[in-house]
Amino acid sequence: MPKRILLLGAGRSASNLIKYLLENSQAFEWELTIVERSAEFVKKKIEGYSNACVIQPESDDVWKNEIPKHDLVISMLPARFHESVLRVCIESKTPAVTASYMTNEIEALTDQAKAAGIPIMMEVGVDPGIDHMSAMKLIDKIRSENGKMLLFESFTGGLIAPESDNNPWNYKFTWNPRNVVLAGQGGAAKFIQEGQNKYIPYHRLFRRTEFITIEGYGRFEGYANRDSLSYRAVYDLDDIPTIYRGTLRRPGFSRAWDAFVKLGATDDTYQIKGTEPMTNREFINSFLAYNPHDSVELKLMYYLNIPQDSEVMDKLSWLGIFEDTPIELDNATPAQVLQYILEQKWSLAPDDKDMIVMWHKLGWETASGEKKMMTSSMVVKGDDQTYTSMSKTVGLPTAIAAKMILEGKIFEPGIHRPIHKSIYEPILTELEDYGISFSEKEMIPEFYRKEPKER
């Protein structure tokens, strides 16, 4: 009897997921149903497979009706839909997999999932996902040798590969552009250093950065993620003195992005009336003081204390923010307008290759009292605009977890993260077949972690 898989959403991160499911569908006797609004786009991906079909939804009732008909649900919908999807899965006793974060609301459904007798796997993409699995593999090894964890740092970045890097920002959108524009908002970044809680408010986030070098790929800069402290409980590191998680960009990105933060152009809390007749130049000017004699460029440089010949001004000018280009949005928030402007410049070209970079640093004390430290890094490049590294690193572990549930290898009822050896070990092993692996390197222990510097 074929196993029926329901995939909800088939956006830019689902390409490799769909490819994996289709390529393995005959061997494992799977039938695939995809619910996606852009049905024509997805139909091209399933050409030649009689055991796959696409449904174009007109309302949420489509997936509510389809879930009970299937043996497994994979949700790649926007995060706001997951709780509703999982409630239907629990009601119909249908196992589920998603790459998204486990929210408090979803975690509260754990007992209901257990009562329904189904496994639900969350956070099994790249970040969260591969970060969990690779970190726990190292942490568990240290613990198996009776080591005591003293420091854990982890950074991940979705970037443009060097061969496709052709702009002064050294960046293009490889993920949801809205998430990039709103990154860091919603409260201060929190981490712990040498046993002391530390906080970086949003208005200083992109100035408090640090440099990381990865052999063969050069230098990166990292800024703090919003909440590093929650990972102490996830990784059972409640007593660890130092834990810090962050996002990677190329050097110089954060300082230039900070200009938009200081202007207020990343604000998503109010609408600007009449944005449709506005131009990029008028949008930027709307945040600056009135002066009929000074140019927009001069006012911005004065307001933000940016030298005319600085790399920051080069980056801002390259984006076209000072040009009289019409903004084709009406009554949009500042963040929506900024995203619109950025998408004109930061979208991937058809042959562009993106790149996922992940880097961990772990410090521990051995059973004999010796201090040790190591780094572990992963770099994955995409193939093109469709089969991106983001699609690989999000879609493949999600697909492998789905296969494990269908094979009965993940069976414990409840809502889980991939932090247990029985789950992360086979997923990481299979990912190596797709070129997704880590390089580890011992280093001289330096357990005093310097504060992220003002750049």
Protein backbone atom coordinates (compact mmCIF):
# COMPACT_ATOMS: atom_id res chain seq x y z
CA MET A 1 0.00 0.00 0.00
CA PRO A 2 1.62 3.31 -1.07
CA LYS A 3 2.35 5.90 1.60
CA ARG A 4 0.70 9.24 0.84
CA ILE A 5 2.69 12.42 1.58
CA LEU A 6 1.07 15.85 1.71
CA LEU A 7 3.40 18.81 1.16
CA LEU A 8 1.92 22.17 2.15
CA GLY A 9 3.77 25.00 0.43
CA ALA A 10 6.42 24.71 -2.26
CA GLY A 11 8.30 28.00 -2.12
CA ARG A 12 11.95 28.74 -2.78
CA SER A 13 13.25 26.48 0.02
CA ALA A 14 11.26 23.42 -1.12
CA SER A 15 12.96 22.65 -4.47
CA ASN A 16 15.41 20.06 -3.15
CA LEU A 17 12.77 18.65 -0.81
CA ILE A 18 10.45 17.95 -3.76
CA LYS A 19 13.33 16.52 -5.80
CA TYR A 20 14.29 14.14 -2.99
CA LEU A 21 10.73 12.93 -2.46
CA LEU A 22 10.19 12.33 -6.16
CA GLU A 23 13.53 10.60 -6.76
CA ASN A 24 12.85 8.22 -3.86
CA SER A 25 9.12 7.81 -4.45
CA GLN A 26 9.28 4.62 -6.50
CA ALA A 27 11.74 2.82 -4.24
CA PHE A 28 9.70 3.61 -1.12
CA GLU A 29 6.26 3.57 -2.79
CA TRP A 30 5.32 7.16 -2.00
CA GLU A 31 2.57 9.27 -3.53
CA LEU A 32 3.03 13.02 -3.29
CA THR A 33 0.34 15.70 -3.17
CA ILE A 34 1.52 19.32 -3.16
CA VAL A 35 -0.73 22.18 -2.07
CA GLU A 36 0.66 25.41 -3.52
CA ARG A 37 -0.88 28.65 -4.78
CA SER A 38 1.71 28.95 -7.58
CA ALA A 39 0.59 25.65 -9.08
CA GLU A 40 2.02 26.20 -12.58
CA PHE A 41 5.50 26.77 -11.13
CA VAL A 42 5.34 23.48 -9.21
CA LYS A 43 3.93 21.44 -12.08
CA LYS A 44 7.23 21.86 -13.92
CA LYS A 45 9.04 20.23 -11.01
CA ILE A 46 6.88 17.10 -11.01
CA GLU A 47 6.78 16.50 -14.77
CA GLY A 48 7.21 12.82 -15.56
CA TYR A 49 5.98 11.58 -12.17
CA SER A 50 2.53 9.99 -12.33
CA ASN A 51 2.54 9.53 -8.54
CA ALA A 52 2.62 13.30 -7.86
CA CYS A 53 -0.01 15.99 -8.22
CA VAL A 54 -0.56 19.65 -7.35
CA ILE A 55 -3.61 21.27 -5.78
CA GLN A 56 -4.07 25.01 -6.07
CA PRO A 57 -5.90 26.11 -2.90
CA GLU A 58 -8.61 28.72 -2.81
CA SER A 59 -8.83 28.60 0.97
CA ASP A 60 -7.30 26.88 4.01
CA ASP A 61 -10.12 24.34 3.84
CA VAL A 62 -8.16 22.53 1.13
CA TRP A 63 -5.35 21.38 3.39
CA LYS A 64 -7.77 20.85 6.28
CA ASN A 65 -9.64 18.40 4.09
CA GLU A 66 -6.48 16.80 2.64
CA ILE A 67 -4.54 16.13 5.84
CA PRO A 68 -6.74 13.21 7.03
CA LYS A 69 -6.30 11.52 3.64
CA HIS A 70 -2.51 11.28 3.98
CA ASP A 71 0.05 9.29 5.98
CA LEU A 72 2.39 12.23 6.59
CA VAL A 73 2.28 16.02 6.35
CA ILE A 74 5.29 18.23 5.55
CA SER A 75 4.50 21.87 6.20
CA MET A 76 6.60 24.49 4.40
CA LEU A 77 3.98 27.17 4.90
CA PRO A 78 4.79 30.50 6.58
CA ALA A 79 5.33 30.06 10.32
CA ARG A 80 1.98 31.62 11.27
CA PHE A 81 0.11 28.62 9.79
CA HIS A 82 1.94 25.81 11.58
CA GLU A 83 -0.09 25.75 14.77
CA SER A 84 -3.36 25.40 12.80
CA VAL A 85 -1.83 22.70 10.57
CA LEU A 86 -0.54 20.71 13.54
CA ARG A 87 -3.89 20.88 15.32
CA VAL A 88 -5.52 19.23 12.29
CA CYS A 89 -2.69 16.67 12.18
CA ILE A 90 -3.26 15.80 15.84
CA GLU A 91 -7.02 15.57 15.35
CA SER A 92 -6.59 13.24 12.37
CA LYS A 93 -3.62 11.37 13.92
CA THR A 94 -1.35 12.26 10.99
CA PRO A 95 2.43 12.59 11.68
CA ALA A 96 4.05 15.83 10.57
CA VAL A 97 7.42 17.45 9.81
CA THR A 98 8.36 21.12 9.52
CA ALA A 99 11.61 23.09 9.41
CA SER A 100 10.20 25.98 11.43
CA TYR A 101 10.77 26.99 15.05
CA MET A 102 8.82 25.39 17.84
CA THR A 103 6.79 28.18 19.41
CA ASN A 104 5.37 28.13 22.94
CA GLU A 105 1.90 27.61 21.44
CA ILE A 106 3.07 24.57 19.46
CA GLU A 107 5.03 23.12 22.38
CA ALA A 108 1.82 23.31 24.42
CA LEU A 109 0.33 20.74 22.00
CA THR A 110 2.86 18.07 23.05
CA ASP A 111 0.49 16.15 25.33
CA GLN A 112 -2.19 16.16 22.63
CA ALA A 113 0.30 14.77 20.09
CA LYS A 114 1.28 12.06 22.58
CA ALA A 115 -2.37 11.18 23.18
CA ALA A 116 -2.88 10.98 19.41
CA GLY A 117 0.10 8.61 19.20
CA ILE A 118 1.90 10.57 16.46
CA PRO A 119 5.41 12.00 16.12
CA ILE A 120 5.77 15.63 15.03
CA MET A 121 9.27 16.75 14.11
CA MET A 122 10.01 20.48 14.32
CA GLU A 123 13.15 22.54 13.62
CA VAL A 124 14.68 20.12 11.14
CA GLY A 125 15.88 22.54 8.45
CA VAL A 126 19.21 24.36 8.53
CA ASP A 127 18.89 26.98 11.29
CA PRO A 128 17.09 25.61 13.19
CA GLY A 129 17.93 22.07 12.22
CA ILE A 130 21.42 21.21 11.02
CA ASP A 131 22.73 23.59 13.69
CA HIS A 132 20.97 21.48 16.37
CA MET A 133 22.16 18.18 14.93
CA SER A 134 25.79 19.13 14.35
CA ALA A 135 26.05 20.82 17.75
CA MET A 136 24.51 17.90 19.63
CA LYS A 137 26.79 15.41 17.87
CA LEU A 138 29.82 17.29 19.26
CA ILE A 139 28.30 17.99 22.68
CA ASP A 140 27.23 14.37 23.13
CA LYS A 141 30.75 13.18 22.23
CA ILE A 142 32.26 15.51 24.84
CA ARG A 143 29.78 14.31 27.44
CA SER A 144 30.46 10.65 26.61
CA GLU A 145 34.07 11.30 27.62
CA ASN A 146 32.92 12.97 30.87
CA GLY A 147 33.84 16.43 29.64
CA LYS A 148 32.21 19.57 31.01
CA MET A 149 31.00 22.21 28.52
CA LEU A 150 32.29 25.73 29.21
CA LEU A 151 31.61 27.62 25.99
CA PHE A 152 29.36 27.26 22.97
CA GLU A 153 29.13 29.71 20.08
CA SER A 154 27.28 29.18 16.82
CA PHE A 155 26.86 31.35 13.71
CA THR A 156 24.96 30.72 10.48
CA GLY A 157 24.59 32.86 7.37
CA GLY A 158 22.77 32.63 4.05
CA LEU A 159 25.10 34.43 1.64
CA ILE A 160 26.07 34.71 -2.00
CA ALA A 161 28.84 32.38 -3.22
CA PRO A 162 32.12 34.10 -4.17
CA GLU A 163 31.74 33.28 -7.88
CA SER A 164 28.34 35.06 -7.96
CA ASP A 165 29.32 37.94 -5.66
CA ASN A 166 29.11 41.03 -7.86
CA ASN A 167 27.91 43.84 -5.62
CA PRO A 168 29.49 45.97 -2.87
CA TRP A 169 27.23 44.52 -0.18
CA ASN A 170 28.55 40.98 -0.89
CA TYR A 171 24.96 39.86 -0.37
CA LYS A 172 21.80 38.76 -2.16
CA PHE A 173 18.48 37.41 -0.90
CA THR A 174 18.64 33.65 -0.41
CA TRP A 175 15.77 33.48 2.07
CA ASN A 176 12.56 35.34 2.82
CA PRO A 177 13.44 39.01 2.14
CA ARG A 178 11.01 40.21 4.80
CA ASN A 179 12.87 38.26 7.47
CA VAL A 180 16.13 39.91 6.41
CA VAL A 181 14.66 43.42 6.64
CA LEU A 182 13.13 42.75 10.07
CA ALA A 183 16.13 40.84 11.47
CA GLY A 184 16.94 41.65 15.07
CA GLN A 185 13.68 43.38 15.92
CA GLY A 186 11.34 42.43 18.75
CA GLY A 187 13.63 42.94 21.72
CA ALA A 188 17.27 43.02 22.73
CA ALA A 189 19.67 40.26 21.71
CA LYS A 190 20.38 38.11 24.78
CA PHE A 191 23.37 35.91 25.54
CA ILE A 192 25.51 34.85 28.51
CA GLN A 193 29.24 35.53 28.86
CA GLU A 194 31.41 34.22 31.67
CA GLY A 195 28.26 33.64 33.72
CA GLN A 196 26.89 37.15 33.18
CA ASN A 197 23.75 37.91 31.16
CA LYS A 198 24.39 40.40 28.35
CA TYR A 199 22.00 42.37 26.15
CA ILE A 200 22.37 44.27 22.88
CA PRO A 201 19.43 46.57 22.00
CA TYR A 202 18.25 46.64 18.38
CA HIS A 203 19.58 50.15 17.74
CA ARG A 204 23.14 48.94 18.55
CA LEU A 205 22.89 45.40 17.17
CA PHE A 206 24.57 46.01 13.82
CA ARG A 207 27.44 47.97 15.37
CA ARG A 208 28.37 45.27 17.91
CA THR A 209 29.88 42.67 15.60
CA GLU A 210 32.85 40.34 15.53
CA PHE A 211 35.00 38.71 12.86
CA ILE A 212 35.21 35.01 12.08
CA THR A 213 37.59 33.41 9.59
CA ILE A 214 36.79 30.13 7.83
CA GLU A 215 39.65 28.49 5.99
CA GLY A 216 39.21 28.68 2.23
CA TYR A 217 36.38 31.23 2.42
CA GLY A 218 37.91 34.19 4.21
CA ARG A 219 36.46 36.57 6.76
CA PHE A 220 32.88 36.99 7.91
CA GLU A 221 31.28 39.26 10.48
CA GLY A 222 28.67 38.10 12.95
CA TYR A 223 25.94 39.94 14.82
CA ALA A 224 24.00 38.49 17.75
CA ASN A 225 20.77 36.57 17.33
CA ARG A 226 17.80 37.70 19.38
CA ASP A 227 17.80 34.93 22.00
CA SER A 228 20.81 32.73 22.65
CA LEU A 229 19.73 31.93 26.20
CA SER A 230 16.85 29.63 25.19
CA TYR A 231 19.36 27.17 23.71
CA ARG A 232 20.76 26.34 27.14
CA ALA A 233 17.67 24.28 27.89
CA VAL A 234 17.42 22.81 24.37
CA TYR A 235 21.01 21.50 24.51
CA ASP A 236 20.91 20.74 28.27
CA LEU A 237 23.55 23.40 28.91
CA ASP A 238 21.82 25.21 31.77
CA ASP A 239 25.07 25.69 33.68
CA ILE A 240 27.30 26.71 30.77
CA PRO A 241 29.13 30.02 31.48
CA THR A 242 29.15 31.26 27.87
CA ILE A 243 26.64 30.72 25.07
CA TYR A 244 26.26 32.99 22.04
CA ARG A 245 24.50 32.55 18.70
CA GLY A 246 24.65 34.88 15.75
CA THR A 247 24.16 35.55 12.03
CA LEU A 248 26.98 35.80 9.47
CA ARG A 249 27.48 38.42 6.79
CA ARG A 250 30.56 39.59 4.91
CA PRO A 251 32.58 42.39 6.59
CA GLY A 252 31.08 45.84 6.09
CA PHE A 253 27.48 44.70 5.66
CA SER A 254 26.36 45.41 9.21
CA ARG A 255 27.80 48.92 9.37
CA ALA A 256 25.97 49.87 6.17
CA TRP A 257 22.74 48.16 7.26
CA ASP A 258 22.92 50.13 10.50
CA ALA A 259 22.24 53.27 8.41
CA PHE A 260 18.76 51.95 7.59
CA VAL A 261 18.16 51.06 11.24
CA LYS A 262 19.16 54.56 12.37
CA LEU A 263 16.97 56.18 9.70
CA GLY A 264 13.93 54.13 10.75
CA ALA A 265 13.62 52.52 7.32
CA THR A 266 13.27 49.03 8.83
CA ASP A 267 10.22 49.99 10.92
CA ASP A 268 7.17 47.84 10.20
CA THR A 269 4.80 49.32 12.78
CA TYR A 270 3.12 52.06 10.71
CA GLN A 271 2.14 52.86 7.14
CA ILE A 272 3.38 55.75 5.05
CA LYS A 273 0.45 57.39 3.30
CA GLY A 274 0.79 57.75 -0.44
CA THR A 275 3.89 55.66 -1.00
CA GLU A 276 2.88 54.77 -4.57
CA PRO A 277 3.66 58.22 -6.04
CA MET A 278 6.92 58.37 -4.06
CA THR A 279 10.37 57.67 -5.45
CA ASN A 280 13.30 56.00 -3.71
CA ARG A 281 14.84 59.42 -3.15
CA GLU A 282 11.66 60.85 -1.65
CA PHE A 283 11.34 57.83 0.63
CA ILE A 284 14.81 58.36 2.09
CA ASN A 285 14.24 62.13 2.31
CA SER A 286 11.08 61.56 4.36
CA PHE A 287 13.25 60.47 7.30
CA LEU A 288 15.55 63.50 7.11
CA ALA A 289 15.19 67.06 8.35
CA TYR A 290 13.73 69.68 6.03
CA ASN A 291 16.34 71.78 4.27
CA PRO A 292 15.55 73.20 0.84
CA HIS A 293 19.21 73.91 0.10
CA ASP A 294 20.98 70.64 0.95
CA SER A 295 20.75 67.48 -1.13
CA VAL A 296 19.33 64.24 0.24
CA GLU A 297 22.81 62.74 0.14
CA LEU A 298 24.30 65.60 2.15
CA LYS A 299 21.52 65.51 4.75
CA LEU A 300 21.89 61.76 5.20
CA MET A 301 25.67 61.98 5.59
CA TYR A 302 25.28 64.75 8.17
CA TYR A 303 22.51 62.97 10.08
CA LEU A 304 24.34 59.64 10.26
CA ASN A 305 27.86 61.07 10.42
CA ILE A 306 28.97 59.19 7.30
CA PRO A 307 31.96 60.51 5.28
CA GLN A 308 31.25 61.14 1.62
CA ASP A 309 34.05 58.81 0.48
CA SER A 310 33.09 55.97 2.84
CA GLU A 311 32.25 52.41 1.81
CA VAL A 312 28.89 52.90 3.52
CA MET A 313 27.92 55.64 1.06
CA ASP A 314 29.14 53.48 -1.82
CA LYS A 315 26.86 50.66 -0.68
CA LEU A 316 23.85 52.93 -0.16
CA SER A 317 24.31 54.67 -3.52
CA TRP A 318 24.64 51.34 -5.34
CA LEU A 319 21.22 50.30 -4.06
CA GLY A 320 19.67 53.24 -5.89
CA ILE A 321 18.12 54.82 -2.81
CA PHE A 322 18.98 58.31 -4.06
CA GLU A 323 17.46 57.77 -7.51
CA ASP A 324 14.06 58.99 -8.73
CA THR A 325 12.82 55.43 -9.25
CA PRO A 326 9.05 55.08 -8.56
CA ILE A 327 7.94 52.92 -5.64
CA GLU A 328 5.12 50.71 -6.86
CA LEU A 329 3.55 50.10 -3.45
CA ASP A 330 0.66 51.93 -1.84
CA ASN A 331 0.33 52.79 1.85
CA ALA A 332 3.25 50.53 2.75
CA THR A 333 5.29 50.44 5.92
CA PRO A 334 8.89 51.70 5.81
CA ALA A 335 10.12 48.10 6.02
CA GLN A 336 7.94 47.08 3.07
CA VAL A 337 9.25 49.95 0.96
CA LEU A 338 12.85 49.13 1.86
CA GLN A 339 12.28 45.49 0.99
CA TYR A 340 10.83 46.53 -2.38
CA ILE A 341 13.91 48.65 -3.14
CA LEU A 342 16.31 45.90 -2.06
CA GLU A 343 14.58 43.23 -4.16
CA GLN A 344 15.43 45.21 -7.29
CA LYS A 345 19.14 44.77 -6.50
CA TRP A 346 19.53 41.73 -4.26
CA SER A 347 17.50 39.08 -6.11
CA LEU A 348 19.36 36.02 -7.37
CA ALA A 349 20.03 35.85 -11.11
CA PRO A 350 19.15 32.53 -12.82
CA ASP A 351 22.72 31.20 -12.70
CA ASP A 352 23.68 32.68 -9.33
CA LYS A 353 24.96 30.35 -6.65
CA ASP A 354 24.16 31.06 -3.02
CA MET A 355 26.10 29.76 -0.02
CA ILE A 356 25.21 28.61 3.50
CA VAL A 357 27.94 29.01 6.09
CA MET A 358 27.72 27.51 9.59
CA TRP A 359 30.38 27.76 12.30
CA HIS A 360 30.49 26.41 15.85
CA LYS A 361 33.06 26.95 18.58
CA LEU A 362 33.06 24.67 21.63
CA GLY A 363 35.19 24.84 24.75
CA TRP A 364 35.23 22.22 27.50
CA GLU A 365 37.12 20.75 30.40
CA THR A 366 38.12 17.10 30.15
CA ALA A 367 37.71 14.54 32.94
CA SER A 368 41.40 15.10 33.81
CA GLY A 369 40.94 18.89 34.08
CA GLU A 370 42.53 19.81 30.74
CA LYS A 371 40.95 22.73 28.84
CA LYS A 372 40.16 22.12 25.17
CA MET A 373 38.57 24.09 22.35
CA MET A 374 37.55 23.34 18.77
CA THR A 375 35.74 24.81 15.79
CA SER A 376 33.42 23.02 13.38
CA SER A 377 32.38 24.60 10.08
CA MET A 378 30.13 23.80 7.13
CA VAL A 379 29.99 25.55 3.76
CA VAL A 380 27.40 24.50 1.16
CA LYS A 381 26.95 26.10 -2.27
CA GLY A 382 23.82 26.06 -4.38
CA ASP A 383 23.56 24.95 -7.99
CA ASP A 384 21.49 27.81 -9.39
CA GLN A 385 18.57 30.13 -8.64
CA THR A 386 16.19 27.19 -8.05
CA TYR A 387 18.32 24.52 -6.40
CA THR A 388 19.97 26.79 -3.89
CA SER A 389 22.12 25.92 -0.90
CA MET A 390 19.24 27.22 1.23
CA SER A 391 16.92 24.75 -0.49
CA LYS A 392 19.43 21.93 0.04
CA THR A 393 20.09 22.59 3.71
CA VAL A 394 16.43 23.23 4.57
CA GLY A 395 14.76 20.70 2.29
CA LEU A 396 17.04 17.67 2.52
CA PRO A 397 17.05 17.18 6.31
CA THR A 398 13.29 17.80 6.31
CA ALA A 399 12.82 15.14 3.64
CA ILE A 400 15.09 12.64 5.43
CA ALA A 401 13.18 13.13 8.68
CA ALA A 402 9.92 12.53 6.80
CA LYS A 403 11.35 9.30 5.37
CA MET A 404 12.42 8.16 8.84
CA ILE A 405 8.88 8.67 10.18
CA LEU A 406 7.36 6.74 7.29
CA GLU A 407 9.86 3.92 7.87
CA GLY A 408 9.03 3.83 11.57
CA LYS A 409 12.52 4.98 12.62
CA ILE A 410 11.07 8.06 14.29
CA PHE A 411 8.06 6.80 16.15
CA GLU A 412 7.93 8.27 19.66
CA PRO A 413 4.69 10.27 20.03
CA GLY A 414 5.01 13.95 20.83
CA ILE A 415 6.59 17.09 19.39
CA HIS A 416 10.35 16.86 18.96
CA ARG A 417 13.52 18.63 17.86
CA PRO A 418 16.29 16.59 16.17
CA ILE A 419 18.57 16.67 19.22
CA HIS A 420 18.76 12.95 20.00
CA LYS A 421 21.41 10.65 18.54
CA SER A 422 18.87 8.24 17.06
CA ILE A 423 17.57 11.10 14.95
CA TYR A 424 20.53 13.36 14.19
CA GLU A 425 23.06 10.61 13.44
CA PRO A 426 21.27 9.03 10.42
CA ILE A 427 20.24 12.44 9.07
CA LEU A 428 23.78 13.86 9.26
CA THR A 429 25.17 10.66 7.72
CA GLU A 430 22.82 10.84 4.73
CA LEU A 431 23.42 14.57 4.31
CA GLU A 432 27.10 13.78 3.70
CA ASP A 433 26.01 11.97 0.51
CA TYR A 434 24.75 15.35 -0.71
CA GLY A 435 27.95 17.23 0.15
CA ILE A 436 26.66 18.63 3.44
CA SER A 437 29.38 17.94 6.01
CA PHE A 438 31.50 19.62 8.69
CA SER A 439 35.23 20.23 9.08
CA GLU A 440 36.53 20.18 12.63
CA LYS A 441 39.69 21.82 13.95
CA GLU A 442 41.24 21.99 17.39
CA MET A 443 42.45 25.39 18.57
CA ILE A 444 44.34 26.92 21.47
CA PRO A 445 41.87 27.41 24.34
CA GLU A 446 40.91 31.05 24.95
CA PHE A 447 37.96 30.96 27.26
CA TYR A 448 37.60 34.66 27.86
CA ARG A 449 35.10 35.77 25.26
CA LYS A 450 35.56 39.35 24.19
CA GLU A 451 32.47 41.53 23.87
CA PRO A 452 31.30 42.13 20.29
CA LYS A 453 33.02 45.36 19.29
CA GLU A 454 31.50 48.59 18.04
CA ARG A 455 32.32 48.76 14.33
